[in-house]
Amino acid sequence: MLFKYLTHPKLLVLLFIAGVLIIFGTSVFMVLEGWSLIDALYFTVATIMTVGYGDLIPTHELSKILAILYMLLLIPALLVGVGIIADTIHEKQNGSINKKK
């Protein structure tokens, strides 16, 4: 049921940009840190989601800077995405309620 709300144009653009940034970050962490694809992806997603288990730690300055930029850019983008989904659900529910009246 939630998937019908994921077609909002703003959300699709946001998901595309986030996907590109996740792929980019994963690639950079693979190269700079020498991590496997799974480790680099795991670290990228854990960083974005603010989980921070501490099992993988960047050791290069450029990796640390990238992690900081990811936190500053993608965490707000995640929150905007949640807001768009909530607004879309609210609009659709209000529209269906108004049609019933």
Protein backbone atom coordinates (compact mmCIF):
# COMPACT_ATOMS: atom_id res chain seq x y z
CA MET A 1 0.00 0.00 0.00
CA LEU A 2 2.86 2.38 0.77
CA PHE A 3 4.34 1.78 -2.69
CA LYS A 4 1.54 3.69 -4.40
CA TYR A 5 2.80 6.82 -2.63
CA LEU A 6 6.35 6.33 -3.90
CA THR A 7 5.52 7.66 -7.36
CA HIS A 8 5.56 11.34 -6.36
CA PRO A 9 7.89 13.14 -8.83
CA LYS A 10 9.87 14.95 -6.11
CA LEU A 11 10.38 11.68 -4.25
CA LEU A 12 11.53 9.90 -7.40
CA VAL A 13 14.13 12.62 -8.04
CA LEU A 14 15.27 12.43 -4.43
CA LEU A 15 15.54 8.63 -4.59
CA PHE A 16 17.54 8.84 -7.81
CA ILE A 17 19.99 11.37 -6.37
CA ALA A 18 20.34 9.35 -3.16
CA GLY A 19 20.96 6.20 -5.20
CA VAL A 20 23.67 7.89 -7.25
CA LEU A 21 25.32 9.25 -4.10
CA ILE A 22 25.19 5.83 -2.41
CA ILE A 23 26.82 4.21 -5.44
CA PHE A 24 29.44 6.98 -5.57
CA GLY A 25 30.18 6.74 -1.85
CA THR A 26 30.40 2.97 -1.97
CA SER A 27 32.84 3.18 -4.88
CA VAL A 28 35.02 5.79 -3.17
CA PHE A 29 35.17 3.83 0.10
CA MET A 30 36.11 0.70 -1.85
CA VAL A 31 39.01 2.52 -3.50
CA LEU A 32 40.25 4.63 -0.59
CA GLU A 33 39.80 2.11 2.21
CA GLY A 34 40.28 -1.09 0.20
CA TRP A 35 36.95 -2.42 1.47
CA SER A 36 34.86 -5.01 -0.36
CA LEU A 37 31.69 -3.95 -2.13
CA ILE A 38 29.54 -5.24 0.74
CA ASP A 39 31.64 -3.53 3.43
CA ALA A 40 31.69 -0.21 1.56
CA LEU A 41 27.94 -0.32 0.88
CA TYR A 42 27.25 -1.35 4.48
CA PHE A 43 29.33 1.56 5.80
CA THR A 44 27.70 4.05 3.40
CA VAL A 45 24.16 3.03 4.34
CA ALA A 46 24.97 2.82 8.07
CA THR A 47 26.45 6.32 7.89
CA ILE A 48 23.42 7.73 6.09
CA MET A 49 21.02 6.08 8.52
CA THR A 50 23.08 7.38 11.48
CA VAL A 51 23.51 3.89 12.89
CA GLY A 52 27.28 4.01 13.38
CA TYR A 53 28.08 0.55 14.69
CA GLY A 54 31.79 1.36 14.76
CA ASP A 55 32.87 -1.92 13.20
CA LEU A 56 34.16 -0.16 10.07
CA ILE A 57 36.08 3.06 10.55
CA PRO A 58 37.54 5.21 7.77
CA THR A 59 41.29 5.60 8.14
CA HIS A 60 42.08 8.10 5.39
CA GLU A 61 41.40 11.82 5.71
CA LEU A 62 39.53 11.95 2.41
CA SER A 63 37.28 9.07 3.54
CA LYS A 64 36.51 10.90 6.77
CA ILE A 65 35.66 14.09 4.87
CA LEU A 66 33.39 12.12 2.53
CA ALA A 67 31.63 10.50 5.50
CA ILE A 68 31.05 13.94 7.02
CA LEU A 69 29.63 15.27 3.73
CA TYR A 70 27.36 12.24 3.44
CA MET A 71 26.01 12.83 6.92
CA LEU A 72 25.41 16.52 6.22
CA LEU A 73 23.78 16.00 2.83
CA LEU A 74 21.97 12.67 2.84
CA ILE A 75 20.45 12.66 6.31
CA PRO A 76 18.41 15.82 5.56
CA ALA A 77 17.53 14.34 2.15
CA LEU A 78 16.22 11.23 3.91
CA LEU A 79 14.06 13.39 6.16
CA VAL A 80 12.74 15.35 3.17
CA GLY A 81 11.80 12.04 1.53
CA VAL A 82 9.88 10.94 4.61
CA GLY A 83 8.13 14.32 4.63
CA ILE A 84 7.14 13.98 0.97
CA ILE A 85 5.70 10.52 1.63
CA ALA A 86 3.76 11.84 4.64
CA ASP A 87 2.43 14.81 2.64
CA THR A 88 1.40 12.56 -0.24
CA ILE A 89 -0.43 10.17 2.08
CA HIS A 90 -2.13 13.10 3.80
CA GLU A 91 -3.20 14.64 0.48
CA LYS A 92 -4.57 11.34 -0.85
CA GLN A 93 -6.45 10.64 2.38
CA ASN A 94 -7.94 14.13 2.46
CA GLY A 95 -8.88 13.81 -1.20
CA SER A 96 -10.68 10.51 -0.62
CA ILE A 97 -12.40 11.89 2.48
CA ASN A 98 -13.57 14.98 0.57
CA LYS A 99 -14.90 12.77 -2.26
CA LYS A 100 -16.98 10.75 0.23
CA LYS A 101 -18.69 13.90 1.52
